[in-house]
Amino acid sequence: MKSFEERLTRLEEISEQIQDGSLPLENALSLFEEGVSLSKGLEKELAKIERKIELLINKPDKKEIKPEFDLFPELNEEE
């Protein structure tokens, strides 16, 4: 599988070729299909990266949070 950057570069090349307007319709359509496929794949990968960044940024400090293992911890305090 090609890297994100390689696929993005290919998408840019496709865009430039289509915008040039010198391609026959059949070739332009084929490139357009390839571009749509690349675009969807890149979009999915970016969404995954964004979610990962959000998790890392919002990850609580492990030292501050103590896990509660009891279902009703307030009941144990009364004993």
N, C-alpha and C. Protein backbone atom coordinates (compact mmCIF):
# COMPACT_ATOMS: atom_id res chain seq x y z
N MET A 1 0.83 -1.18 0.00
CA MET A 1 0.00 0.00 0.00
C MET A 1 0.88 1.25 0.00
N LYS A 2 0.51 2.18 -0.83
CA LYS A 2 1.29 3.41 -0.92
C LYS A 2 1.03 4.28 0.30
N SER A 3 1.99 5.14 0.58
CA SER A 3 1.85 6.03 1.74
C SER A 3 0.78 7.08 1.47
N PHE A 4 0.36 7.71 2.53
CA PHE A 4 -0.65 8.78 2.42
C PHE A 4 -0.16 9.86 1.46
N GLU A 5 1.08 10.25 1.62
CA GLU A 5 1.64 11.32 0.79
C GLU A 5 1.69 10.93 -0.68
N GLU A 6 2.04 9.68 -0.96
CA GLU A 6 2.09 9.22 -2.35
C GLU A 6 0.70 9.23 -2.99
N ARG A 7 -0.29 8.80 -2.22
CA ARG A 7 -1.66 8.79 -2.75
C ARG A 7 -2.18 10.21 -2.94
N LEU A 8 -1.83 11.11 -2.03
CA LEU A 8 -2.24 12.50 -2.16
C LEU A 8 -1.59 13.14 -3.39
N THR A 9 -0.33 12.85 -3.61
CA THR A 9 0.36 13.35 -4.80
C THR A 9 -0.30 12.84 -6.07
N ARG A 10 -0.66 11.57 -6.07
CA ARG A 10 -1.34 10.99 -7.24
C ARG A 10 -2.68 11.68 -7.48
N LEU A 11 -3.41 11.95 -6.42
CA LEU A 11 -4.69 12.65 -6.54
C LEU A 11 -4.49 14.04 -7.13
N GLU A 12 -3.45 14.72 -6.71
CA GLU A 12 -3.14 16.05 -7.26
C GLU A 12 -2.79 15.96 -8.75
N GLU A 13 -2.03 14.93 -9.12
CA GLU A 13 -1.68 14.72 -10.53
C GLU A 13 -2.94 14.49 -11.37
N ILE A 14 -3.83 13.67 -10.85
CA ILE A 14 -5.08 13.37 -11.55
C ILE A 14 -5.89 14.66 -11.74
N SER A 15 -5.97 15.44 -10.69
CA SER A 15 -6.73 16.69 -10.75
C SER A 15 -6.15 17.62 -11.83
N GLU A 16 -4.84 17.74 -11.86
CA GLU A 16 -4.19 18.59 -12.86
C GLU A 16 -4.44 18.08 -14.28
N GLN A 17 -4.37 16.77 -14.47
CA GLN A 17 -4.60 16.19 -15.80
C GLN A 17 -6.03 16.43 -16.27
N ILE A 18 -6.99 16.28 -15.38
CA ILE A 18 -8.39 16.49 -15.75
C ILE A 18 -8.64 17.97 -16.04
N GLN A 19 -8.08 18.84 -15.21
CA GLN A 19 -8.29 20.27 -15.38
C GLN A 19 -7.64 20.80 -16.66
N ASP A 20 -6.61 20.13 -17.11
CA ASP A 20 -5.92 20.53 -18.34
C ASP A 20 -6.88 20.53 -19.53
N GLY A 21 -7.79 19.58 -19.54
CA GLY A 21 -8.82 19.53 -20.58
C GLY A 21 -8.40 18.91 -21.89
N SER A 22 -7.20 18.39 -21.97
CA SER A 22 -6.72 17.83 -23.22
C SER A 22 -6.94 16.32 -23.33
N LEU A 23 -7.46 15.70 -22.29
CA LEU A 23 -7.68 14.26 -22.29
C LEU A 23 -8.97 13.90 -23.02
N PRO A 24 -8.96 12.78 -23.71
CA PRO A 24 -10.23 12.29 -24.26
C PRO A 24 -11.19 11.97 -23.11
N LEU A 25 -12.47 12.05 -23.38
CA LEU A 25 -13.48 11.85 -22.34
C LEU A 25 -13.32 10.52 -21.62
N GLU A 26 -13.04 9.46 -22.38
CA GLU A 26 -12.88 8.12 -21.79
C GLU A 26 -11.74 8.11 -20.77
N ASN A 27 -10.62 8.72 -21.11
CA ASN A 27 -9.46 8.77 -20.19
C ASN A 27 -9.77 9.65 -18.98
N ALA A 28 -10.45 10.77 -19.21
CA ALA A 28 -10.80 11.67 -18.11
C ALA A 28 -11.72 10.96 -17.12
N LEU A 29 -12.68 10.21 -17.64
CA LEU A 29 -13.59 9.47 -16.78
C LEU A 29 -12.85 8.43 -15.96
N SER A 30 -11.93 7.73 -16.59
CA SER A 30 -11.14 6.72 -15.89
C SER A 30 -10.32 7.35 -14.77
N LEU A 31 -9.69 8.49 -15.06
CA LEU A 31 -8.91 9.19 -14.05
C LEU A 31 -9.81 9.72 -12.93
N PHE A 32 -10.99 10.20 -13.31
CA PHE A 32 -11.93 10.70 -12.32
C PHE A 32 -12.32 9.59 -11.35
N GLU A 33 -12.58 8.40 -11.86
CA GLU A 33 -12.93 7.25 -11.01
C GLU A 33 -11.78 6.92 -10.05
N GLU A 34 -10.57 6.94 -10.58
CA GLU A 34 -9.41 6.68 -9.73
C GLU A 34 -9.28 7.75 -8.66
N GLY A 35 -9.52 9.00 -9.04
CA GLY A 35 -9.44 10.11 -8.09
C GLY A 35 -10.47 10.01 -6.99
N VAL A 36 -11.69 9.63 -7.34
CA VAL A 36 -12.75 9.48 -6.34
C VAL A 36 -12.36 8.39 -5.34
N SER A 37 -11.85 7.30 -5.85
CA SER A 37 -11.43 6.19 -4.99
C SER A 37 -10.30 6.63 -4.05
N LEU A 38 -9.32 7.33 -4.60
CA LEU A 38 -8.23 7.83 -3.77
C LEU A 38 -8.74 8.80 -2.73
N SER A 39 -9.62 9.69 -3.14
CA SER A 39 -10.16 10.70 -2.24
C SER A 39 -10.90 10.07 -1.07
N LYS A 40 -11.71 9.07 -1.33
CA LYS A 40 -12.46 8.40 -0.26
C LYS A 40 -11.51 7.70 0.71
N GLY A 41 -10.50 7.04 0.17
CA GLY A 41 -9.53 6.35 1.03
C GLY A 41 -8.75 7.33 1.90
N LEU A 42 -8.35 8.45 1.31
CA LEU A 42 -7.61 9.46 2.07
C LEU A 42 -8.50 10.08 3.15
N GLU A 43 -9.74 10.31 2.81
CA GLU A 43 -10.68 10.89 3.77
C GLU A 43 -10.88 9.96 4.97
N LYS A 44 -11.01 8.67 4.72
CA LYS A 44 -11.16 7.70 5.81
C LYS A 44 -9.92 7.69 6.70
N GLU A 45 -8.75 7.72 6.06
CA GLU A 45 -7.51 7.70 6.83
C GLU A 45 -7.37 8.96 7.67
N LEU A 46 -7.73 10.11 7.11
CA LEU A 46 -7.69 11.35 7.88
C LEU A 46 -8.64 11.31 9.07
N ALA A 47 -9.81 10.74 8.88
CA ALA A 47 -10.78 10.64 9.97
C ALA A 47 -10.21 9.78 11.11
N LYS A 48 -9.54 8.70 10.75
CA LYS A 48 -8.92 7.85 11.78
C LYS A 48 -7.84 8.61 12.53
N ILE A 49 -7.03 9.36 11.79
CA ILE A 49 -5.95 10.13 12.41
C ILE A 49 -6.53 11.20 13.34
N GLU A 50 -7.58 11.87 12.90
CA GLU A 50 -8.22 12.89 13.73
C GLU A 50 -8.76 12.29 15.02
N ARG A 51 -9.40 11.12 14.93
CA ARG A 51 -9.92 10.47 16.13
C ARG A 51 -8.79 10.10 17.08
N LYS A 52 -7.69 9.63 16.53
CA LYS A 52 -6.55 9.24 17.36
C LYS A 52 -5.97 10.46 18.07
N ILE A 53 -5.87 11.58 17.35
CA ILE A 53 -5.35 12.81 17.95
C ILE A 53 -6.28 13.29 19.06
N GLU A 54 -7.59 13.24 18.82
CA GLU A 54 -8.55 13.64 19.85
C GLU A 54 -8.41 12.78 21.10
N LEU A 55 -8.22 11.49 20.91
CA LEU A 55 -8.04 10.60 22.06
C LEU A 55 -6.77 10.94 22.82
N LEU A 56 -5.70 11.23 22.09
CA LEU A 56 -4.45 11.56 22.75
C LEU A 56 -4.53 12.89 23.49
N ILE A 57 -5.19 13.85 22.90
CA ILE A 57 -5.31 15.16 23.53
C ILE A 57 -6.22 15.09 24.75
N ASN A 58 -7.30 14.35 24.65
CA ASN A 58 -8.28 14.28 25.73
C ASN A 58 -8.02 13.16 26.73
N LYS A 59 -6.94 12.45 26.55
CA LYS A 59 -6.62 11.33 27.44
C LYS A 59 -6.33 11.87 28.84
N PRO A 60 -7.03 11.38 29.83
CA PRO A 60 -6.81 11.88 31.19
C PRO A 60 -5.45 11.43 31.74
N ASP A 61 -4.93 12.21 32.64
CA ASP A 61 -3.69 11.86 33.30
C ASP A 61 -3.95 10.66 34.21
N LYS A 62 -3.22 9.62 34.02
CA LYS A 62 -3.44 8.37 34.77
C LYS A 62 -3.24 8.56 36.27
N LYS A 63 -2.43 9.50 36.67
CA LYS A 63 -2.15 9.70 38.09
C LYS A 63 -3.35 10.31 38.81
N GLU A 64 -4.13 11.10 38.12
CA GLU A 64 -5.24 11.79 38.75
C GLU A 64 -6.48 10.92 38.91
N ILE A 65 -6.67 9.96 38.05
CA ILE A 65 -7.90 9.17 38.07
C ILE A 65 -7.61 7.79 38.67
N LYS A 66 -8.42 7.46 39.67
CA LYS A 66 -8.32 6.14 40.27
C LYS A 66 -9.55 5.36 39.86
N PRO A 67 -9.40 4.19 39.33
CA PRO A 67 -10.56 3.42 38.90
C PRO A 67 -11.41 2.97 40.08
N GLU A 68 -12.70 2.98 39.87
CA GLU A 68 -13.65 2.50 40.88
C GLU A 68 -14.07 1.09 40.47
N PHE A 69 -13.80 0.13 41.33
CA PHE A 69 -14.14 -1.26 41.02
C PHE A 69 -15.46 -1.69 41.65
N ASP A 70 -15.91 -0.94 42.63
CA ASP A 70 -17.16 -1.28 43.30
C ASP A 70 -18.32 -0.67 42.54
N LEU A 71 -19.42 -1.37 42.56
CA LEU A 71 -20.61 -0.87 41.89
C LEU A 71 -21.19 0.33 42.62
N PHE A 72 -21.19 0.28 43.96
CA PHE A 72 -21.70 1.38 44.79
C PHE A 72 -20.63 1.72 45.83
N PRO A 73 -19.60 2.46 45.47
CA PRO A 73 -18.50 2.73 46.40
C PRO A 73 -18.92 3.50 47.64
N GLU A 74 -19.98 4.32 47.54
CA GLU A 74 -20.44 5.08 48.71
C GLU A 74 -20.95 4.17 49.82
N LEU A 75 -21.41 2.98 49.51
CA LEU A 75 -21.88 2.04 50.52
C LEU A 75 -20.73 1.49 51.35
N ASN A 76 -19.57 1.37 50.76
CA ASN A 76 -18.40 0.86 51.49
C ASN A 76 -17.87 1.85 52.50
N GLU A 77 -18.09 3.13 52.25
CA GLU A 77 -17.59 4.16 53.16
C GLU A 77 -18.34 4.15 54.49
N GLU A 78 -19.58 3.73 54.48
CA GLU A 78 -20.40 3.72 55.70
C GLU A 78 -20.03 2.59 56.65
N GLU A 79 -19.39 1.59 56.17
CA GLU A 79 -19.08 0.40 56.99
C GLU A 79 -18.03 0.68 58.02
